Protein backbone atom coordinates (compact mmCIF):
# COMPACT_ATOMS: atom_id res chain seq x y z
CA PRO A 1 12.65 37.07 19.84
CA LEU A 2 10.84 33.92 18.87
CA CYS A 3 12.74 31.76 21.41
CA SER A 4 11.88 33.96 24.42
CA ASN A 5 9.73 32.62 27.22
CA ASN A 6 7.53 35.64 26.66
CA ASN A 7 6.57 34.32 23.19
CA PRO A 8 2.80 33.26 23.49
CA TYR A 9 3.37 30.75 20.59
CA ALA A 10 6.29 28.93 22.20
CA SER A 11 4.11 26.05 23.36
CA PHE A 12 1.82 26.01 20.39
CA GLY A 13 2.93 22.55 19.13
CA ALA A 14 2.66 21.03 22.53
CA THR A 15 -0.78 22.43 23.03
CA LEU A 16 -1.90 21.00 19.72
CA ALA A 17 -0.50 17.54 20.63
CA ARG A 18 -2.17 17.71 24.07
CA ASP A 19 -5.46 18.68 22.52
CA GLU A 20 -5.32 15.84 20.06
CA GLU A 21 -4.73 13.36 22.94
CA GLN A 22 -7.77 14.65 24.72
CA ASN A 23 -9.94 14.90 21.57
CA LEU A 24 -12.16 11.87 22.28
CA TRP A 25 -15.56 12.35 20.93
CA SER A 26 -15.62 9.49 18.45
CA THR A 27 -12.02 9.02 17.53
CA PRO A 28 -8.89 10.66 18.86
CA HIS A 29 -8.58 12.92 15.75
CA ASP A 30 -12.26 14.15 15.73
CA VAL A 31 -12.15 17.86 15.17
CA THR A 32 -15.60 18.42 16.74
CA HIS A 33 -14.31 17.69 20.26
CA THR A 34 -15.66 19.62 23.29
CA GLU A 35 -14.56 19.37 26.84
CA ALA A 36 -17.89 18.28 28.29
CA ASP A 37 -18.46 15.90 31.13
CA ASP A 38 -18.87 12.83 28.94
CA ASP A 39 -15.54 13.62 27.24
CA ARG A 40 -13.84 13.79 30.70
CA VAL A 41 -15.36 10.35 31.57
CA LEU A 42 -13.97 8.88 28.42
CA TYR A 43 -10.61 10.62 28.94
CA ASN A 44 -10.36 9.16 32.52
CA MET A 45 -11.13 5.75 31.24
CA ILE A 46 -8.34 6.04 28.65
CA VAL A 47 -5.91 7.29 31.32
CA VAL A 48 -6.69 4.35 33.52
CA ARG A 49 -6.52 1.84 30.71
CA ASN A 50 -3.10 3.21 29.59
CA GLN A 51 -1.71 2.66 33.08
CA LEU A 52 -2.64 -1.07 33.01
CA ASP A 53 -0.73 -3.94 31.52
CA LYS A 54 -2.22 -4.68 28.01
CA ASP A 55 -2.45 -8.44 28.86
CA SER A 56 -4.59 -7.89 31.88
CA GLU A 57 -8.29 -8.49 32.07
CA GLU A 58 -8.93 -4.98 33.49
CA TRP A 59 -7.21 -3.50 30.41
CA GLN A 60 -9.31 -5.59 27.97
CA LYS A 61 -12.56 -4.65 29.90
CA LEU A 62 -11.65 -0.92 29.79
CA ASN A 63 -10.65 -1.14 26.15
CA TYR A 64 -13.97 -2.77 25.29
CA ASP A 65 -15.92 -0.15 27.32
CA ILE A 66 -14.03 2.66 25.59
CA TYR A 67 -14.75 1.12 22.19
CA THR A 68 -18.40 0.72 23.00
CA LEU A 69 -18.82 4.28 24.23
CA ARG A 70 -17.22 5.59 21.09
CA GLN A 71 -19.45 3.42 18.86
CA THR A 72 -22.56 4.61 20.74
CA ARG A 73 -21.53 8.22 20.20
CA LYS A 74 -20.99 7.53 16.48
CA GLU A 75 -24.43 5.96 16.35
CA VAL A 76 -26.15 8.91 18.06
CA ARG A 77 -24.34 11.38 15.67
CA SER A 78 -25.46 9.27 12.75
CA ARG A 79 -29.02 9.35 13.86
CA TRP A 80 -28.93 13.16 14.14
CA LYS A 81 -27.23 13.33 10.77
CA HIS A 82 -29.86 11.14 9.12
CA ILE A 83 -32.63 13.28 10.34
CA LEU A 84 -30.95 16.47 9.34
CA GLU A 85 -30.47 15.10 5.84
CA ASP A 86 -34.11 14.01 5.68
CA LEU A 87 -35.05 17.59 6.54
CA GLY A 88 -33.08 18.92 3.60
CA PHE A 89 -29.76 19.80 5.23
CA GLN A 90 -27.78 17.38 3.24
CA LYS A 91 -24.85 19.80 2.73
CA GLU A 92 -25.09 21.41 6.15
CA ALA A 93 -25.54 18.32 8.36
CA ASP A 94 -21.83 18.01 9.22
CA SER A 95 -21.48 21.63 10.05
CA LEU A 96 -24.65 21.74 12.07
CA LEU A 97 -23.30 18.82 14.16
CA SER A 98 -19.87 20.31 14.51
CA VAL A 99 -19.39 21.55 18.05
CA THR A 100 -15.93 22.82 19.17
CA LYS A 101 -14.64 24.63 22.26
CA LEU A 102 -15.26 27.86 20.39
CA SER A 103 -18.95 27.11 19.73
CA ILE A 104 -21.43 29.51 21.34
CA ILE A 105 -25.09 29.69 21.80
CA SER A 106 -26.59 31.95 19.11
CA ASP A 107 -29.19 33.60 21.38
CA SER A 108 -29.13 33.25 25.18
CA GLN A 109 -32.91 33.34 25.19
CA ASN A 110 -32.93 30.12 23.07
CA MET A 111 -31.05 28.24 25.84
CA SER A 112 -34.25 27.35 27.77
CA LYS A 113 -36.06 26.34 24.64
CA ALA A 114 -33.06 24.30 23.52
CA ARG A 115 -32.93 22.46 26.85
CA ASP A 116 -36.58 21.70 26.69
CA ILE A 117 -36.43 20.30 23.18
CA LEU A 118 -33.38 18.29 23.97
CA LEU A 119 -35.07 16.87 27.07
CA LYS A 120 -38.16 16.16 25.07
CA LEU A 121 -36.10 14.34 22.43
CA SER A 122 -34.48 12.12 25.07
CA GLU A 123 -37.89 11.39 26.81
CA GLU A 124 -40.16 10.98 23.90
CA THR A 125 -37.86 9.42 21.14
CA ASN A 126 -35.20 6.85 20.99
CA ILE A 127 -32.62 9.09 19.20
CA PHE A 128 -30.48 8.58 22.23
CA PRO A 129 -29.93 5.15 23.79
CA THR A 130 -31.74 4.47 26.99
CA SER A 131 -28.45 4.58 29.04
CA TRP A 132 -27.38 7.85 27.41
CA GLU A 133 -26.77 10.92 29.48
CA LEU A 134 -27.51 14.04 27.58
CA SER A 135 -24.56 15.65 26.04
CA GLU A 136 -23.99 19.44 26.06
CA ARG A 137 -22.90 18.98 22.42
CA TYR A 138 -26.52 18.47 21.29
CA LEU A 139 -27.68 21.62 23.22
CA PHE A 140 -25.61 23.60 20.66
CA VAL A 141 -27.07 21.57 17.79
CA VAL A 142 -30.68 22.22 18.95
CA ASP A 143 -29.81 25.92 19.40
CA ARG A 144 -28.76 26.01 15.71
CA LEU A 145 -31.93 24.25 14.71
CA ILE A 146 -34.00 26.88 16.65
CA ALA A 147 -32.09 29.67 14.85
CA LEU A 148 -32.97 27.97 11.52
CA ASP A 149 -36.57 27.55 12.66
CA ALA A 150 -36.19 23.80 12.16
CA ALA A 151 -36.28 22.53 15.72
CA ASP A 152 -39.95 21.53 15.72
CA GLU A 153 -39.63 19.70 12.42
CA PHE A 154 -36.42 17.96 13.71
CA PHE A 155 -38.46 16.76 16.76
CA LYS A 156 -41.31 15.57 14.65
CA MET A 157 -39.00 13.67 12.31
CA ALA A 158 -37.08 12.19 15.29
CA SER A 159 -40.46 11.00 16.74
CA THR A 160 -41.32 9.32 13.51
CA VAL A 161 -37.97 7.78 12.76
CA TYR A 162 -36.94 6.88 16.37
CA PRO A 163 -40.20 6.46 18.14
CA LYS A 164 -40.22 5.52 21.90
CA ARG A 165 -41.04 1.87 22.23
CA PRO A 166 -41.89 -0.03 25.43
CA GLY A 167 -38.72 -1.37 26.91
CA GLY A 168 -36.63 1.25 25.18
CA ASP A 169 -36.18 -0.49 21.75
CA ARG A 170 -36.37 1.57 18.72
CA ALA A 171 -38.33 0.56 15.56
CA ASP A 172 -36.56 -1.78 13.10
CA GLU A 173 -35.74 -0.41 9.76
CA SER A 174 -38.76 -2.36 8.37
CA GLN A 175 -41.16 -0.83 10.93
CA ARG A 176 -40.05 2.76 10.22
CA ALA A 177 -42.61 5.21 8.98
CA PRO A 178 -42.04 6.31 5.37
CA GLN A 179 -39.56 9.21 5.04
CA CYS A 180 -40.64 12.62 3.84
């Protein structure tokens, strides 16, 4: 019977609601959510904020920090999407950037190469802000680029569009190299 406690679907609606509450990547309803460390940090900030009085200074500070973190994530995703589109992945950019709990690494032998490229991107470009801790999400994206044989081109484009500058500032739009 459908109402039995043995029914595996009995809590389906509750699970979906709970997943929506914890889906924190850019906005609460972002379908590309993963349960990575940076998501847990954001989730913990939201839990603490929700326990505070809305008129308190602590609530306002946490609310600002949460907003800032989400905006930073959106900006990083936008940078990646911009480069993917410049490389010719206009229609595929969103799906290449989509990482869910069900995402897998396409080839376990690519894992080391993907980590190296991601680390190189963080050290040699400004595609990530200076204070950014590398997200597991982008490891999956780099793995997909390796499978498409586009990882090296992505790195070259990221180096051109978001070159490392002394002091961690990226090039202004007017200083960017011409796009391919």
